[in-house]
Amino acid sequence: MATVGYFEIQVDDFNRAQAFYRTVFDWNFSKFDSSFEYFSIDTGKKDGEGIDGGMLKRQAPLAKDNGVSGYMCAIYVASIDETQEKIEKYGGSITMPKTDIPGVGNVAYALDTEGNAFALWEVSK
């Protein structure tokens, strides 16, 4: 079975996007030695849980008005309510509020400062 092993975020403004993800999710970024501007993303994964990724300049325009241009990644969070507040405080927006998935958890959709869509996932306790 194939598994997702890496993700990339395309951005228009590296500083703005990195500030958003660093502040909201506590991710770290490091410049990658490449022929084009690229940053590695350290999500703080531990014990094989989660994946890391990369950040590069946007290669093509976003799909009109919804931020979706491909896969949507879900970011596991302890509290969707608290994370939604941070997202809006630091320049992102909520496109689908917290929705209960009975017996599984809660999901919400958001856009980052660059217009990229992502999901928040809160596992049932």
C-alpha atoms as a PDB file:
ATOM      1  CA  MET A   1       0.000   0.000   0.000  1.00  0.00           C
ATOM      2  CA  ALA A   2       1.345   3.461  -0.868  1.00  0.00           C
ATOM      3  CA  THR A   3       1.429   6.153   1.821  1.00  0.00           C
ATOM      4  CA  VAL A   4       1.866   9.915   1.695  1.00  0.00           C
ATOM      5  CA  GLY A   5       5.453  10.680   2.640  1.00  0.00           C
ATOM      6  CA  TYR A   6       5.972  14.380   1.951  1.00  0.00           C
ATOM      7  CA  PHE A   7       4.004  17.538   1.161  1.00  0.00           C
ATOM      8  CA  GLU A   8       4.742  20.871  -0.481  1.00  0.00           C
ATOM      9  CA  ILE A   9       3.162  24.272  -0.048  1.00  0.00           C
ATOM     10  CA  GLN A  10       3.386  26.748  -2.921  1.00  0.00           C
ATOM     11  CA  VAL A  11       3.453  30.390  -1.838  1.00  0.00           C
ATOM     12  CA  ASP A  12       3.660  33.921  -3.180  1.00  0.00           C
ATOM     13  CA  ASP A  13       5.484  35.361  -0.146  1.00  0.00           C
ATOM     14  CA  PHE A  14       7.895  33.144   1.833  1.00  0.00           C
ATOM     15  CA  ASN A  15       8.128  35.459   4.856  1.00  0.00           C
ATOM     16  CA  ARG A  16       4.373  35.862   5.232  1.00  0.00           C
ATOM     17  CA  ALA A  17       3.637  32.150   4.755  1.00  0.00           C
ATOM     18  CA  GLN A  18       6.401  30.995   7.104  1.00  0.00           C
ATOM     19  CA  ALA A  19       5.285  33.442   9.794  1.00  0.00           C
ATOM     20  CA  PHE A  20       1.739  32.060   9.522  1.00  0.00           C
ATOM     21  CA  TYR A  21       2.723  28.371   9.812  1.00  0.00           C
ATOM     22  CA  ARG A  22       5.368  29.048  12.459  1.00  0.00           C
ATOM     23  CA  THR A  23       2.896  30.977  14.634  1.00  0.00           C
ATOM     24  CA  VAL A  24      -0.207  28.833  14.131  1.00  0.00           C
ATOM     25  CA  PHE A  25       1.365  25.343  14.052  1.00  0.00           C
ATOM     26  CA  ASP A  26       4.878  25.856  15.530  1.00  0.00           C
ATOM     27  CA  TRP A  27       6.606  24.574  12.358  1.00  0.00           C
ATOM     28  CA  ASN A  28      10.262  25.324  11.555  1.00  0.00           C
ATOM     29  CA  PHE A  29      11.769  26.214   8.170  1.00  0.00           C
ATOM     30  CA  SER A  30      15.277  25.897   6.789  1.00  0.00           C
ATOM     31  CA  LYS A  31      16.641  27.057   3.438  1.00  0.00           C
ATOM     32  CA  PHE A  32      17.438  24.134   1.171  1.00  0.00           C
ATOM     33  CA  ASP A  33      20.557  24.313  -1.014  1.00  0.00           C
ATOM     34  CA  SER A  34      18.972  24.298  -4.462  1.00  0.00           C
ATOM     35  CA  SER A  35      19.127  26.070  -7.824  1.00  0.00           C
ATOM     36  CA  PHE A  36      15.775  27.690  -6.914  1.00  0.00           C
ATOM     37  CA  GLU A  37      14.424  29.069  -3.645  1.00  0.00           C
ATOM     38  CA  TYR A  38      13.139  26.187  -1.526  1.00  0.00           C
ATOM     39  CA  PHE A  39      12.631  25.645   2.197  1.00  0.00           C
ATOM     40  CA  SER A  40      12.338  22.395   4.148  1.00  0.00           C
ATOM     41  CA  ILE A  41       9.477  22.245   6.643  1.00  0.00           C
ATOM     42  CA  ASP A  42       9.975  20.507   9.996  1.00  0.00           C
ATOM     43  CA  THR A  43       6.527  19.769  11.480  1.00  0.00           C
ATOM     44  CA  GLY A  44       7.987  18.302  14.665  1.00  0.00           C
ATOM     45  CA  LYS A  45       7.029  14.747  13.774  1.00  0.00           C
ATOM     46  CA  LYS A  46       8.035  12.105  16.277  1.00  0.00           C
ATOM     47  CA  ASP A  47       8.053   8.317  16.380  1.00  0.00           C
ATOM     48  CA  GLY A  48       7.094   8.085  12.690  1.00  0.00           C
ATOM     49  CA  GLU A  49       3.894  10.075  13.283  1.00  0.00           C
ATOM     50  CA  GLY A  50       3.229  12.691  10.615  1.00  0.00           C
ATOM     51  CA  ILE A  51       5.324  13.904   7.699  1.00  0.00           C
ATOM     52  CA  ASP A  52       7.584  16.821   6.873  1.00  0.00           C
ATOM     53  CA  GLY A  53       7.455  18.920   3.741  1.00  0.00           C
ATOM     54  CA  GLY A  54       8.765  21.763   1.649  1.00  0.00           C
ATOM     55  CA  MET A  55       7.864  25.277   0.527  1.00  0.00           C
ATOM     56  CA  LEU A  56       8.440  26.807  -2.895  1.00  0.00           C
ATOM     57  CA  LYS A  57       7.267  29.738  -5.030  1.00  0.00           C
ATOM     58  CA  ARG A  58       3.830  29.241  -6.564  1.00  0.00           C
ATOM     59  CA  GLN A  59       4.151  27.675 -10.013  1.00  0.00           C
ATOM     60  CA  ALA A  60       0.638  28.413 -11.357  1.00  0.00           C
ATOM     61  CA  PRO A  61      -2.358  30.478 -10.232  1.00  0.00           C
ATOM     62  CA  LEU A  62      -4.712  29.062  -7.609  1.00  0.00           C
ATOM     63  CA  ALA A  63      -8.095  27.745  -8.660  1.00  0.00           C
ATOM     64  CA  LYS A  64     -10.492  30.687  -8.616  1.00  0.00           C
ATOM     65  CA  ASP A  65     -11.843  31.701  -5.199  1.00  0.00           C
ATOM     66  CA  ASN A  66     -11.388  28.450  -3.289  1.00  0.00           C
ATOM     67  CA  GLY A  67      -7.650  27.851  -2.835  1.00  0.00           C
ATOM     68  CA  VAL A  68      -7.886  24.240  -4.011  1.00  0.00           C
ATOM     69  CA  SER A  69      -5.377  23.280  -6.676  1.00  0.00           C
ATOM     70  CA  GLY A  70      -4.655  19.664  -5.812  1.00  0.00           C
ATOM     71  CA  TYR A  71      -4.488  17.550  -2.693  1.00  0.00           C
ATOM     72  CA  MET A  72      -5.753  18.918   0.589  1.00  0.00           C
ATOM     73  CA  CYS A  73      -3.637  17.939   3.580  1.00  0.00           C
ATOM     74  CA  ALA A  74      -5.113  17.587   7.051  1.00  0.00           C
ATOM     75  CA  ILE A  75      -3.166  18.934  10.019  1.00  0.00           C
ATOM     76  CA  TYR A  76      -3.831  17.139  13.306  1.00  0.00           C
ATOM     77  CA  VAL A  77      -4.522  19.600  16.133  1.00  0.00           C
ATOM     78  CA  ALA A  78      -5.483  19.233  19.790  1.00  0.00           C
ATOM     79  CA  SER A  79      -8.265  21.831  19.488  1.00  0.00           C
ATOM     80  CA  ILE A  80      -9.899  23.029  16.271  1.00  0.00           C
ATOM     81  CA  ASP A  81     -11.554  25.899  18.159  1.00  0.00           C
ATOM     82  CA  GLU A  82      -8.218  27.266  19.433  1.00  0.00           C
ATOM     83  CA  THR A  83      -6.505  26.713  16.071  1.00  0.00           C
ATOM     84  CA  GLN A  84      -9.287  28.479  14.140  1.00  0.00           C
ATOM     85  CA  GLU A  85      -8.796  31.531  16.371  1.00  0.00           C
ATOM     86  CA  LYS A  86      -5.047  31.551  15.607  1.00  0.00           C
ATOM     87  CA  ILE A  87      -5.638  31.097  11.875  1.00  0.00           C
ATOM     88  CA  GLU A  88      -7.912  34.139  11.720  1.00  0.00           C
ATOM     89  CA  LYS A  89      -5.664  36.193  14.032  1.00  0.00           C
ATOM     90  CA  TYR A  90      -2.609  35.600  11.819  1.00  0.00           C
ATOM     91  CA  GLY A  91      -4.166  36.287   8.428  1.00  0.00           C
ATOM     92  CA  GLY A  92      -5.807  33.028   7.375  1.00  0.00           C
ATOM     93  CA  SER A  93      -9.526  32.315   7.041  1.00  0.00           C
ATOM     94  CA  ILE A  94     -11.956  29.512   7.815  1.00  0.00           C
ATOM     95  CA  THR A  95     -13.821  28.172   4.776  1.00  0.00           C
ATOM     96  CA  MET A  96     -15.727  25.371   6.546  1.00  0.00           C
ATOM     97  CA  PRO A  97     -16.282  25.606  10.301  1.00  0.00           C
ATOM     98  CA  LYS A  98     -15.712  22.709  12.679  1.00  0.00           C
ATOM     99  CA  THR A  99     -17.889  19.799  11.629  1.00  0.00           C
ATOM    100  CA  ASP A 100     -18.462  16.662  13.711  1.00  0.00           C
ATOM    101  CA  ILE A 101     -17.767  13.282  12.117  1.00  0.00           C
ATOM    102  CA  PRO A 102     -19.578  10.943  14.577  1.00  0.00           C
ATOM    103  CA  GLY A 103     -17.269   8.441  16.249  1.00  0.00           C
ATOM    104  CA  VAL A 104     -14.186   9.814  14.474  1.00  0.00           C
ATOM    105  CA  GLY A 105     -13.588  13.466  15.351  1.00  0.00           C
ATOM    106  CA  ASN A 106     -13.992  16.952  13.961  1.00  0.00           C
ATOM    107  CA  VAL A 107     -12.815  18.535  10.719  1.00  0.00           C
ATOM    108  CA  ALA A 108     -12.601  22.129   9.474  1.00  0.00           C
ATOM    109  CA  TYR A 109     -11.223  23.710   6.298  1.00  0.00           C
ATOM    110  CA  ALA A 110      -9.137  26.876   6.115  1.00  0.00           C
ATOM    111  CA  LEU A 111      -7.016  29.017   3.829  1.00  0.00           C
ATOM    112  CA  ASP A 112      -3.519  30.208   4.740  1.00  0.00           C
ATOM    113  CA  THR A 113      -2.160  33.696   4.015  1.00  0.00           C
ATOM    114  CA  GLU A 114      -1.326  32.577   0.464  1.00  0.00           C
ATOM    115  CA  GLY A 115      -4.817  31.272  -0.363  1.00  0.00           C
ATOM    116  CA  ASN A 116      -3.828  27.599  -0.017  1.00  0.00           C
ATOM    117  CA  ALA A 117      -6.516  25.293   1.357  1.00  0.00           C
ATOM    118  CA  PHE A 118      -5.834  22.859   4.201  1.00  0.00           C
ATOM    119  CA  ALA A 119      -7.880  20.864   6.680  1.00  0.00           C
ATOM    120  CA  LEU A 120      -7.746  20.715  10.457  1.00  0.00           C
ATOM    121  CA  TRP A 121      -8.403  17.370  12.091  1.00  0.00           C
ATOM    122  CA  GLU A 122      -9.262  16.872  15.766  1.00  0.00           C
ATOM    123  CA  VAL A 123      -9.483  13.201  16.786  1.00  0.00           C
ATOM    124  CA  SER A 124     -12.327  12.169  19.127  1.00  0.00           C
ATOM    125  CA  LYS A 125     -11.218  11.775  22.701  1.00  0.00           C
END
